[in-house]
Amino acid sequence: MITGKNYIGSQLKAGGTKTVKTFNPQLNIENPWVFTEATTEEIEEAVALANQAFTSYKKCSGLEKAQFLNAIADEILALGDELLVQYCSESGFPRGRAEGERGRMIGQLRSFAVMLTEGSWVQATIDTAIPDRQPAPKEDLRKMLVPLGPIVVFGSSNFPFAFSTAGGDTASALASGCPVIVKSHSMHIGTGEMVASAIIKAAQKTNMPEGVFSNLVGGGRTLGTSLVKHPLVKGVGFTGSISGGRALCDLAAQRPEPIPVFAEMGSVNPVVLLPEALKVNSQKWAAAYAGSITLGAGQFCTNPGLLLAVKGAELNDFETELTTAIEKIEPLCMLHSTMQADFEKGIAEKESQKGVSKVAQFKGEVLPNYGRQTILKVSGEEFLKNESLSHEVFGPFSILVECEDEVQLIQIINKLDGQLTGTIISEEKELQKHQAVIFALQNRVGRLIFNGVPTGVEVCASMLHGGPYPASSDSRFTAVGTHAVYRWVRPLSYQNWPDDLLPAELQNNNPLQISRTVNNKLTLAGCD
């Protein structure tokens, strides 16, 4: 089922001479498939097709787009076990992870289909005319959200399904009415091609315009730069490193017409452990965080990489329990040999810093490309002095910061970069005593968690997967859940427009029966 070619719309093409292979981290060998990188001409053709498709795709009804997204989900499921085998061969993840992430990808697609079927997401707003108003008449004004145009999506390394070819960025952009061009991630190109084939089949079965979706292979600096700089591209979705996301933001800002880049980047997801909670449930929280830190070999953007607590007997007990719990867990395979090497390098760099000590590390033998989970420790004073200690180490790692008191704890929180999540571990009766800590943390994060772990990301409308920079490039938006659609749209107002020429969402009799704001009142009724 793997051709090694690029999908330019529905056409498979491989006119270039530069090829690449993927890597099986479990077997520690290259995979056999050969993939051809897209040429400049193929990039141009894909963007031109997407722009052409936009003229008709943006006019598709919510029901038509919902049918398309549901068809994508159906076609992905129809790929069966072969897709799961491909996923595992390029990621090192076990089959259970592949099945779970496939389920999340399917759930995302279907949730956007439900949103489109209901239709109110366009935020239709109507202010009817008052011709005889004094001293000046009031015009008829109507506003709704409309799609931006062709969107480029960069597949992520750590979620070959949920944040890649048919993941949240692609699903939300297609739901908005924007064609999508995916830059397939180099670590799982074969998985991406199989998913792309499902999207193309779904597009054909539901009569979507040619070019509504393309899937390209190529290096980030060449292919990625060309796509972001192309004048017909109107937005970018990215999940990855701070350096990569920032480079895309800078490229987009330098264009003659700057475009938005919605980048989800680095996060250490601080966890504040309050003393009463540790006193009552030290073993429980140690076990929970040992599991969270090592989940998926620590390769989650919500991995808890920073544990903060005030020194004392409670923290000492927690440290002992965490060490015992995490050293019992068998290490897992990481996504690639380069990631495992970077993981080891990151730990070594942090351990070499002044005042840093190792409190836990798996002590048994590990296979190649497996991440040996590690916990380091440092005082709050040394942490405040050394900015490098707050930088992310991607993998099963966390650093425990022993604060002198709550004042120092708040100083550390205030000094942190923006984060995806922040967690408070506390007894309920403690919360009122530590409001300053909570207020400090909520100013640095996109999601505030009480008595849980950050590594669970529910796909729903209330989920906020984003945060202050550099957690994401725009903290007003989420990359997960149906509200992710709002990244790919803009508001458009119609003034004094003939009713029969208005979009159905704004017409007087509300033919779609969607919830609208009419003269400042939310209603399903029509208007005169």
Protein backbone atom coordinates (compact mmCIF):
# COMPACT_ATOMS: atom_id res chain seq x y z
CA MET A 1 0.00 0.00 0.00
CA ILE A 2 3.05 2.27 0.28
CA THR A 3 4.07 3.94 -3.00
CA GLY A 4 6.65 6.41 -1.69
CA LYS A 5 5.05 9.20 -3.72
CA ASN A 6 3.46 12.56 -2.99
CA TYR A 7 -0.29 13.13 -3.18
CA ILE A 8 -0.82 16.22 -5.33
CA GLY A 9 -4.56 16.27 -4.92
CA SER A 10 -5.61 12.78 -5.98
CA GLN A 11 -2.56 12.24 -8.18
CA LEU A 12 0.49 10.31 -6.95
CA LYS A 13 3.70 11.96 -8.17
CA ALA A 14 7.41 11.46 -7.59
CA GLY A 15 9.31 13.57 -10.08
CA GLY A 16 12.24 14.33 -7.82
CA THR A 17 15.58 12.61 -7.31
CA LYS A 18 16.02 13.06 -3.57
CA THR A 19 14.76 10.14 -1.48
CA VAL A 20 14.46 9.29 2.19
CA LYS A 21 13.59 6.32 4.41
CA THR A 22 11.93 6.07 7.80
CA PHE A 23 13.38 4.32 10.85
CA ASN A 24 12.13 1.47 13.04
CA PRO A 25 13.29 2.35 16.57
CA GLN A 26 12.25 -1.01 18.02
CA LEU A 27 14.40 -2.96 15.56
CA ASN A 28 16.98 -0.13 15.35
CA ILE A 29 17.09 -0.33 11.55
CA GLU A 30 15.83 1.65 8.57
CA ASN A 31 12.45 0.66 7.18
CA PRO A 32 12.52 -0.71 3.60
CA TRP A 33 10.25 1.86 1.93
CA VAL A 34 11.79 4.64 -0.15
CA PHE A 35 10.02 8.00 -0.30
CA THR A 36 10.63 10.69 -2.92
CA GLU A 37 10.71 14.30 -1.78
CA ALA A 38 8.45 16.77 -3.56
CA THR A 39 9.98 18.96 -6.22
CA THR A 40 9.51 22.71 -6.50
CA GLU A 41 7.08 22.11 -9.36
CA GLU A 42 5.06 19.63 -7.29
CA ILE A 43 4.87 22.06 -4.37
CA GLU A 44 3.63 24.76 -6.71
CA GLU A 45 1.05 22.40 -8.22
CA ALA A 46 -0.27 21.35 -4.81
CA VAL A 47 -0.73 24.96 -3.66
CA ALA A 48 -2.33 26.02 -6.93
CA LEU A 49 -4.76 23.09 -6.71
CA ALA A 50 -5.61 23.97 -3.11
CA ASN A 51 -6.29 27.56 -4.08
CA GLN A 52 -8.47 26.43 -6.95
CA ALA A 53 -10.33 24.02 -4.67
CA PHE A 54 -10.97 26.81 -2.16
CA THR A 55 -13.25 28.66 -4.57
CA SER A 56 -15.80 25.83 -4.41
CA TYR A 57 -14.95 24.11 -1.10
CA LYS A 58 -15.65 27.26 0.92
CA LYS A 59 -19.20 27.17 -0.46
CA CYS A 60 -19.86 23.59 0.66
CA SER A 61 -22.60 23.32 3.24
CA GLY A 62 -21.98 22.13 6.75
CA LEU A 63 -23.72 18.85 5.92
CA GLU A 64 -21.49 18.29 2.88
CA LYS A 65 -18.34 18.91 4.88
CA ALA A 66 -19.65 16.68 7.70
CA GLN A 67 -20.16 13.86 5.18
CA PHE A 68 -16.58 14.37 4.00
CA LEU A 69 -15.12 14.18 7.52
CA ASN A 70 -17.18 11.12 8.41
CA ALA A 71 -16.08 9.49 5.16
CA ILE A 72 -12.43 10.17 6.08
CA ALA A 73 -13.00 8.41 9.41
CA ASP A 74 -14.64 5.46 7.64
CA GLU A 75 -11.81 5.14 5.11
CA ILE A 76 -9.15 5.26 7.84
CA LEU A 77 -10.90 2.45 9.70
CA ALA A 78 -11.12 0.50 6.44
CA LEU A 79 -7.29 0.44 6.28
CA GLY A 80 -7.49 -1.99 9.20
CA ASP A 81 -4.50 -3.69 10.78
CA GLU A 82 -2.10 -2.71 8.01
CA LEU A 83 -2.26 0.90 9.15
CA LEU A 84 -1.58 -0.08 12.77
CA VAL A 85 1.40 -2.21 11.74
CA GLN A 86 2.79 0.69 9.71
CA TYR A 87 2.31 3.08 12.64
CA CYS A 88 4.20 0.78 15.02
CA SER A 89 7.05 0.20 12.56
CA GLU A 90 7.71 3.94 12.26
CA SER A 91 7.09 5.06 15.86
CA GLY A 92 8.22 2.28 18.18
CA PHE A 93 4.89 2.56 19.99
CA PRO A 94 3.03 -0.64 20.95
CA ARG A 95 -0.17 -1.72 19.21
CA GLY A 96 -2.34 -0.59 22.13
CA ARG A 97 -1.06 2.97 21.73
CA ALA A 98 -1.71 2.77 17.97
CA GLU A 99 -5.29 1.65 18.52
CA GLY A 100 -5.92 4.31 21.16
CA GLU A 101 -4.52 7.12 19.05
CA ARG A 102 -6.42 5.95 15.99
CA GLY A 103 -9.58 6.10 18.09
CA ARG A 104 -8.76 9.66 19.08
CA MET A 105 -8.16 10.64 15.43
CA ILE A 106 -11.50 9.11 14.41
CA GLY A 107 -13.25 10.78 17.34
CA GLN A 108 -11.85 14.19 16.35
CA LEU A 109 -13.09 13.84 12.79
CA ARG A 110 -16.55 12.79 13.90
CA SER A 111 -16.79 15.54 16.52
CA PHE A 112 -16.16 18.18 13.86
CA ALA A 113 -18.79 16.49 11.69
CA VAL A 114 -21.31 16.85 14.53
CA MET A 115 -20.34 20.51 14.93
CA LEU A 116 -20.85 21.13 11.22
CA THR A 117 -24.22 19.38 11.20
CA GLU A 118 -25.49 21.58 14.04
CA GLY A 119 -24.04 24.69 12.37
CA SER A 120 -24.00 27.38 15.08
CA TRP A 121 -20.20 27.44 15.18
CA VAL A 122 -20.18 30.20 12.50
CA GLN A 123 -21.34 32.69 15.17
CA ALA A 124 -23.97 34.34 12.98
CA THR A 125 -24.87 37.80 14.29
CA ILE A 126 -27.62 40.00 12.88
CA ASP A 127 -28.48 43.64 13.62
CA THR A 128 -31.48 44.60 11.53
CA ALA A 129 -31.94 48.05 9.99
CA ILE A 130 -33.83 50.91 11.61
CA PRO A 131 -34.40 53.26 8.63
CA ASP A 132 -36.25 55.93 10.63
CA ARG A 133 -33.80 56.10 13.52
CA GLN A 134 -32.80 59.68 14.44
CA PRO A 135 -30.52 61.49 14.00
CA ALA A 136 -29.24 58.90 11.47
CA PRO A 137 -30.74 55.68 10.12
CA LYS A 138 -29.28 52.34 11.21
CA GLU A 139 -27.97 50.07 8.46
CA ASP A 140 -28.68 46.33 8.27
CA LEU A 141 -25.52 44.48 9.37
CA ARG A 142 -24.89 40.75 9.47
CA LYS A 143 -21.69 38.94 10.41
CA MET A 144 -20.38 35.36 10.39
CA LEU A 145 -17.12 33.46 10.27
CA VAL A 146 -15.66 32.48 6.89
CA PRO A 147 -12.60 30.34 5.99
CA LEU A 148 -9.18 31.87 5.34
CA GLY A 149 -7.97 29.80 2.39
CA PRO A 150 -5.36 27.04 1.85
CA ILE A 151 -3.76 25.87 5.11
CA VAL A 152 -0.40 24.12 5.55
CA VAL A 153 -0.22 21.53 8.34
CA PHE A 154 3.09 20.21 9.68
CA GLY A 155 2.75 16.67 11.02
CA SER A 156 4.13 16.10 14.52
CA SER A 157 6.66 13.45 15.53
CA ASN A 158 5.01 12.19 18.71
CA PHE A 159 1.42 11.74 17.47
CA PRO A 160 1.50 10.10 14.01
CA PHE A 161 -2.31 9.98 14.01
CA ALA A 162 -3.81 12.59 16.34
CA PHE A 163 -1.55 15.54 15.41
CA SER A 164 -0.52 14.62 11.90
CA THR A 165 -2.01 13.82 8.49
CA ALA A 166 -5.68 13.60 9.55
CA GLY A 167 -5.17 14.96 13.06
CA GLY A 168 -6.67 17.94 14.82
CA ASP A 169 -5.14 20.64 12.61
CA THR A 170 -6.25 18.98 9.38
CA ALA A 171 -9.71 18.05 10.70
CA SER A 172 -10.39 21.55 12.03
CA ALA A 173 -9.12 23.27 8.86
CA LEU A 174 -11.23 21.06 6.61
CA ALA A 175 -14.22 21.67 8.89
CA SER A 176 -13.75 25.43 8.51
CA GLY A 177 -13.87 25.20 4.71
CA CYS A 178 -10.12 25.46 4.08
CA PRO A 179 -8.21 23.05 1.80
CA VAL A 180 -5.17 21.47 3.48
CA ILE A 181 -1.63 20.67 2.36
CA VAL A 182 0.18 18.40 4.82
CA LYS A 183 3.94 18.31 5.17
CA SER A 184 4.35 14.71 6.26
CA HIS A 185 6.64 14.24 9.26
CA SER A 186 9.91 12.55 8.30
CA MET A 187 9.62 9.94 11.06
CA HIS A 188 6.35 8.40 9.85
CA ILE A 189 6.00 9.15 6.14
CA GLY A 190 4.53 5.73 5.35
CA THR A 191 1.85 6.10 8.01
CA GLY A 192 1.11 9.54 6.62
CA GLU A 193 0.78 8.23 3.07
CA MET A 194 -1.70 5.57 4.14
CA VAL A 195 -3.84 8.10 6.01
CA ALA A 196 -3.59 10.49 3.06
CA SER A 197 -4.91 7.76 0.75
CA ALA A 198 -7.97 7.49 3.01
CA ILE A 199 -8.57 11.25 2.85
CA ILE A 200 -8.31 11.22 -0.95
CA LYS A 201 -10.76 8.31 -1.23
CA ALA A 202 -13.18 10.13 1.07
CA ALA A 203 -12.88 13.31 -1.00
CA GLN A 204 -13.68 11.43 -4.17
CA LYS A 205 -16.62 9.54 -2.65
CA THR A 206 -18.18 12.76 -1.33
CA ASN A 207 -17.47 14.79 -4.50
CA MET A 208 -15.09 17.25 -2.88
CA PRO A 209 -13.08 19.47 -5.27
CA GLU A 210 -9.77 18.21 -6.59
CA GLY A 211 -6.96 19.68 -4.49
CA VAL A 212 -8.94 19.92 -1.24
CA PHE A 213 -6.13 17.82 0.25
CA SER A 214 -2.50 17.12 -0.65
CA ASN A 215 0.28 15.28 1.20
CA LEU A 216 3.93 16.16 0.52
CA VAL A 217 7.25 14.65 1.55
CA GLY A 218 10.36 16.74 2.09
CA GLY A 219 12.85 18.35 4.42
CA GLY A 220 11.60 21.06 6.73
CA ARG A 221 13.92 23.79 5.55
CA THR A 222 13.14 23.26 1.86
CA LEU A 223 9.55 22.07 1.70
CA GLY A 224 8.37 23.82 4.85
CA THR A 225 9.92 27.15 3.90
CA SER A 226 8.49 27.00 0.39
CA LEU A 227 5.00 26.30 1.66
CA VAL A 228 4.97 28.97 4.38
CA LYS A 229 6.32 31.62 2.01
CA HIS A 230 3.92 30.80 -0.82
CA PRO A 231 1.59 33.78 -1.41
CA LEU A 232 -1.50 31.55 -1.85
CA VAL A 233 -1.11 29.90 1.58
CA LYS A 234 -3.22 31.63 4.22
CA GLY A 235 -2.35 29.88 7.49
CA VAL A 236 -0.09 27.30 9.15
CA GLY A 237 -0.59 24.64 11.82
CA PHE A 238 2.46 23.24 13.61
CA THR A 239 3.23 20.97 16.57
CA GLY A 240 6.87 20.59 17.54
CA SER A 241 9.90 22.33 18.98
CA ILE A 242 10.20 25.97 20.01
CA SER A 243 12.97 26.54 17.47
CA GLY A 244 10.91 25.05 14.64
CA GLY A 245 7.72 26.87 15.55
CA ARG A 246 9.48 30.19 16.01
CA ALA A 247 11.21 29.83 12.64
CA LEU A 248 7.83 29.35 10.95
CA CYS A 249 6.35 32.34 12.80
CA ASP A 250 9.24 34.52 11.65
CA LEU A 251 8.92 33.34 8.04
CA ALA A 252 5.19 34.04 8.02
CA ALA A 253 5.67 37.49 9.56
CA GLN A 254 8.23 38.45 6.90
CA ARG A 255 5.90 37.76 3.99
CA PRO A 256 4.48 40.73 2.05
CA GLU A 257 1.14 39.48 3.36
CA PRO A 258 1.82 38.07 6.85
CA ILE A 259 -0.24 35.02 7.76
CA PRO A 260 -1.06 33.39 11.11
CA VAL A 261 1.01 30.46 12.37
CA PHE A 262 -0.68 28.45 15.08
CA ALA A 263 2.27 26.66 16.65
CA GLU A 264 2.10 24.41 19.69
CA MET A 265 5.66 24.28 21.01
CA GLY A 266 7.51 23.72 24.29
CA SER A 267 6.10 23.11 27.75
CA VAL A 268 7.38 21.64 31.03
CA ASN A 269 3.90 21.66 32.61
CA PRO A 270 4.70 22.64 36.21
CA VAL A 271 3.12 20.71 39.06
CA VAL A 272 2.74 22.38 42.47
CA LEU A 273 2.64 19.86 45.32
CA LEU A 274 1.14 21.40 48.46
CA PRO A 275 2.25 19.94 51.80
CA GLU A 276 -1.07 18.71 53.21
CA ALA A 277 -1.77 16.69 50.05
CA LEU A 278 1.65 15.06 50.30
CA LYS A 279 1.15 14.37 53.99
CA VAL A 280 -2.17 12.61 53.35
CA ASN A 281 -1.50 10.90 50.00
CA SER A 282 2.24 10.87 49.28
CA GLN A 283 2.27 7.32 47.92
CA LYS A 284 -0.80 7.92 45.74
CA TRP A 285 0.64 11.02 44.08
CA ALA A 286 4.10 9.48 43.71
CA ALA A 287 2.60 6.52 41.83
CA ALA A 288 0.43 8.80 39.69
CA TYR A 289 3.34 10.99 38.65
CA ALA A 290 5.72 8.09 38.07
CA GLY A 291 3.15 6.83 35.58
CA SER A 292 2.56 10.25 34.04
CA ILE A 293 6.26 11.02 33.59
CA THR A 294 6.92 7.70 31.86
CA LEU A 295 3.70 7.48 29.82
CA GLY A 296 4.55 6.98 26.15
CA ALA A 297 8.26 7.22 27.06
CA GLY A 298 7.58 10.77 28.24
CA GLN A 299 6.98 11.92 24.66
CA PHE A 300 3.92 14.02 25.38
CA CYS A 301 3.76 17.80 25.08
CA THR A 302 1.94 17.66 28.44
CA ASN A 303 4.59 15.59 30.20
CA PRO A 304 5.07 16.87 33.80
CA GLY A 305 8.67 18.02 33.54
CA LEU A 306 8.76 20.27 36.61
CA LEU A 307 7.68 19.37 40.16
CA LEU A 308 7.56 22.26 42.65
CA ALA A 309 7.17 21.98 46.43
CA VAL A 310 8.23 23.67 49.65
CA LYS A 311 10.92 21.78 51.57
CA GLY A 312 9.92 19.70 54.56
CA ALA A 313 9.22 16.19 55.76
CA GLU A 314 6.26 15.87 53.38
CA LEU A 315 8.44 16.56 50.35
CA ASN A 316 11.12 14.18 51.61
CA ASP A 317 8.57 11.38 51.87
CA PHE A 318 7.20 12.14 48.39
CA GLU A 319 10.72 12.08 46.92
CA THR A 320 11.34 8.65 48.43
CA GLU A 321 8.00 7.31 47.18
CA LEU A 322 8.53 8.77 43.69
CA THR A 323 12.00 7.25 43.45
CA THR A 324 10.68 3.81 44.43
CA ALA A 325 7.72 4.00 42.04
CA ILE A 326 9.51 5.31 38.96
CA GLU A 327 12.51 2.99 39.16
CA LYS A 328 10.17 -0.02 39.03
CA ILE A 329 8.68 0.98 35.68
CA GLU A 330 10.13 -0.69 32.60
CA PRO A 331 11.47 1.88 30.10
CA LEU A 332 9.82 2.27 26.70
CA CYS A 333 11.14 2.76 23.19
CA MET A 334 11.48 6.34 22.03
CA LEU A 335 10.44 7.59 18.61
CA HIS A 336 13.89 7.69 17.02
CA SER A 337 17.55 7.15 17.85
CA THR A 338 18.14 10.91 17.52
CA MET A 339 15.42 11.62 20.08
CA GLN A 340 16.91 9.12 22.51
CA ALA A 341 20.34 10.71 22.03
CA ASP A 342 18.92 14.20 22.58
CA PHE A 343 17.14 12.92 25.70
CA GLU A 344 20.39 11.59 27.18
CA LYS A 345 22.19 14.80 26.23
CA GLY A 346 19.51 16.93 27.87
CA ILE A 347 19.73 15.03 31.13
CA ALA A 348 23.53 15.21 31.15
CA GLU A 349 23.46 18.97 30.57
CA LYS A 350 21.04 19.54 33.43
CA GLU A 351 22.86 17.19 35.79
CA SER A 352 26.10 19.11 35.18
CA GLN A 353 24.58 22.38 36.44
CA LYS A 354 25.43 23.73 39.85
CA GLY A 355 23.40 22.29 42.72
CA VAL A 356 21.68 19.60 40.63
CA SER A 357 21.60 16.01 41.87
CA LYS A 358 20.10 12.78 40.57
CA VAL A 359 17.46 11.25 42.82
CA ALA A 360 16.03 8.53 40.57
CA GLN A 361 16.89 6.66 37.38
CA PHE A 362 16.02 3.24 36.04
CA LYS A 363 18.93 1.02 36.97
CA GLY A 364 18.45 -2.02 34.72
CA GLU A 365 19.68 -2.68 31.22
CA VAL A 366 17.83 -1.00 28.37
CA LEU A 367 17.57 -1.79 24.68
CA PRO A 368 18.78 0.67 22.01
CA ASN A 369 16.53 3.73 21.66
CA TYR A 370 14.83 3.14 25.01
CA GLY A 371 14.59 6.10 27.39
CA ARG A 372 15.90 5.53 30.90
CA GLN A 373 13.50 7.56 33.10
CA THR A 374 15.26 10.06 35.33
CA ILE A 375 14.40 12.50 38.15
CA LEU A 376 16.80 15.30 39.10
CA LYS A 377 16.57 17.65 42.07
CA VAL A 378 17.65 21.23 42.72
CA SER A 379 16.99 23.94 45.28
CA GLY A 380 14.67 26.80 44.49
CA GLU A 381 17.56 29.24 44.87
CA GLU A 382 19.69 27.50 42.24
CA PHE A 383 16.70 27.06 39.93
CA LEU A 384 16.02 30.80 39.98
CA LYS A 385 19.65 31.52 39.11
CA ASN A 386 19.83 29.14 36.14
CA GLU A 387 17.34 29.63 33.29
CA SER A 388 18.51 26.47 31.51
CA LEU A 389 16.98 24.33 34.27
CA SER A 390 13.49 25.37 33.16
CA HIS A 391 14.01 24.17 29.58
CA GLU A 392 12.21 21.05 28.38
CA VAL A 393 13.88 17.66 28.13
CA PHE A 394 11.72 15.63 25.75
CA GLY A 395 11.30 12.18 27.24
CA PRO A 396 10.65 10.45 30.59
CA PHE A 397 12.20 13.14 32.75
CA SER A 398 11.28 15.59 35.47
CA ILE A 399 13.14 17.91 37.81
CA LEU A 400 12.08 18.30 41.44
CA VAL A 401 12.55 21.82 42.80
CA GLU A 402 12.79 22.17 46.56
CA CYS A 403 11.57 25.68 47.40
CA GLU A 404 12.58 27.49 50.56
CA ASP A 405 9.07 28.81 51.18
CA GLU A 406 5.89 29.85 49.37
CA VAL A 407 7.36 33.23 48.46
CA GLN A 408 10.13 31.51 46.53
CA LEU A 409 7.65 29.09 44.98
CA ILE A 410 5.65 32.02 43.58
CA GLN A 411 8.85 33.67 42.34
CA ILE A 412 9.66 30.50 40.37
CA ILE A 413 6.17 30.28 38.87
CA ASN A 414 6.26 33.94 37.84
CA LYS A 415 9.62 33.43 36.14
CA LEU A 416 8.48 30.47 34.02
CA ASP A 417 7.74 30.77 30.33
CA GLY A 418 4.18 30.15 29.17
CA GLN A 419 2.98 26.57 29.60
CA LEU A 420 0.26 24.32 28.23
CA THR A 421 -0.74 23.14 31.70
CA GLY A 422 -0.23 23.84 35.37
CA THR A 423 -1.31 21.46 38.13
CA ILE A 424 -2.12 21.95 41.81
CA ILE A 425 -1.96 18.86 44.02
CA SER A 426 -3.80 19.82 47.18
CA GLU A 427 -6.38 18.93 49.78
CA GLU A 428 -9.47 21.06 49.17
CA LYS A 429 -9.13 22.79 52.54
CA GLU A 430 -5.60 23.87 51.55
CA LEU A 431 -6.65 25.78 48.46
CA GLN A 432 -7.96 28.84 50.25
CA LYS A 433 -4.64 29.23 52.06
CA HIS A 434 -2.65 29.29 48.82
CA GLN A 435 -4.63 31.59 46.53
CA ALA A 436 -1.50 33.55 45.59
CA VAL A 437 0.08 30.35 44.23
CA ILE A 438 -3.03 29.54 42.20
CA PHE A 439 -3.27 33.06 40.76
CA ALA A 440 0.41 33.02 39.80
CA LEU A 441 0.06 29.66 38.07
CA GLN A 442 -3.08 30.54 36.12
CA ASN A 443 -1.24 33.50 34.58
CA ARG A 444 1.35 31.15 33.07
CA VAL A 445 -0.79 28.31 31.69
CA GLY A 446 -3.60 27.43 29.30
CA ARG A 447 -5.12 24.65 31.41
CA LEU A 448 -5.22 24.63 35.23
CA ILE A 449 -5.57 21.14 36.74
CA PHE A 450 -6.63 20.22 40.26
CA ASN A 451 -5.53 16.87 41.70
CA GLY A 452 -4.72 15.09 38.49
CA VAL A 453 -1.99 14.59 35.91
CA PRO A 454 -1.56 16.72 32.77
CA THR A 455 -1.00 13.83 30.36
CA GLY A 456 -4.69 13.30 29.64
CA VAL A 457 -6.06 15.60 26.92
CA GLU A 458 -9.80 15.19 26.44
CA VAL A 459 -11.05 16.06 22.96
CA CYS A 460 -14.05 18.29 23.64
CA ALA A 461 -15.22 21.88 23.27
CA SER A 462 -14.06 22.89 26.77
CA MET A 463 -10.48 21.68 26.30
CA LEU A 464 -7.84 24.39 25.92
CA HIS A 465 -4.65 22.97 24.44
CA GLY A 466 -2.55 26.08 24.14
CA GLY A 467 -1.11 28.70 26.43
CA PRO A 468 1.09 31.78 26.70
CA TYR A 469 4.18 31.81 24.46
CA PRO A 470 6.10 29.56 23.91
CA ALA A 471 3.52 26.92 24.83
CA SER A 472 1.75 28.21 21.74
CA SER A 473 2.15 31.11 19.38
CA ASP A 474 -1.30 32.50 20.19
CA SER A 475 -2.76 31.78 23.62
CA ARG A 476 -6.29 32.72 22.50
CA PHE A 477 -6.74 29.46 20.58
CA THR A 478 -6.72 25.72 21.19
CA ALA A 479 -5.23 22.94 19.05
CA VAL A 480 -7.58 20.31 20.52
CA GLY A 481 -11.37 20.11 20.50
CA THR A 482 -13.97 21.62 18.20
CA HIS A 483 -13.00 25.18 19.07
CA ALA A 484 -9.75 24.54 17.15
CA VAL A 485 -11.77 25.49 14.06
CA TYR A 486 -11.59 29.17 15.03
CA ARG A 487 -7.92 29.33 14.03
CA TRP A 488 -8.80 29.00 10.35
CA VAL A 489 -11.59 31.55 9.97
CA ARG A 490 -12.13 35.29 9.98
CA PRO A 491 -15.25 37.41 10.54
CA LEU A 492 -17.01 38.93 7.54
CA SER A 493 -19.81 41.51 7.72
CA TYR A 494 -22.54 42.09 5.11
CA GLN A 495 -24.17 45.53 5.06
CA ASN A 496 -27.62 46.06 3.48
CA TRP A 497 -27.24 42.86 1.45
CA PRO A 498 -30.22 41.37 -0.45
CA ASP A 499 -31.63 38.52 1.64
CA ASP A 500 -31.63 35.92 -1.13
CA LEU A 501 -27.96 36.62 -1.86
CA LEU A 502 -26.83 36.23 1.75
CA PRO A 503 -25.28 32.99 3.03
CA ALA A 504 -27.99 30.72 4.41
CA GLU A 505 -26.60 31.27 7.91
CA LEU A 506 -27.57 34.97 7.72
CA GLN A 507 -30.86 34.87 5.82
CA ASN A 508 -34.01 36.23 7.45
CA ASN A 509 -35.92 32.98 7.85
CA ASN A 510 -32.93 31.07 9.30
CA PRO A 511 -33.26 28.13 6.87
CA LEU A 512 -30.55 26.13 8.68
CA GLN A 513 -32.29 26.56 12.05
CA ILE A 514 -29.03 27.43 13.78
CA SER A 515 -28.64 29.46 16.93
CA ARG A 516 -27.95 33.11 16.04
CA THR A 517 -27.67 36.44 17.84
CA VAL A 518 -30.38 38.69 16.43
CA ASN A 519 -30.56 42.25 17.79
CA ASN A 520 -28.55 41.18 20.84
CA LYS A 521 -30.71 38.14 21.63
CA LEU A 522 -29.68 34.51 21.12
CA THR A 523 -32.47 32.81 19.18
CA LEU A 524 -33.46 30.12 16.68
CA ALA A 525 -36.17 32.32 15.25
CA GLY A 526 -36.02 34.22 11.99
CA CYS A 527 -35.92 37.98 11.66
CA ASP A 528 -37.71 40.57 9.56
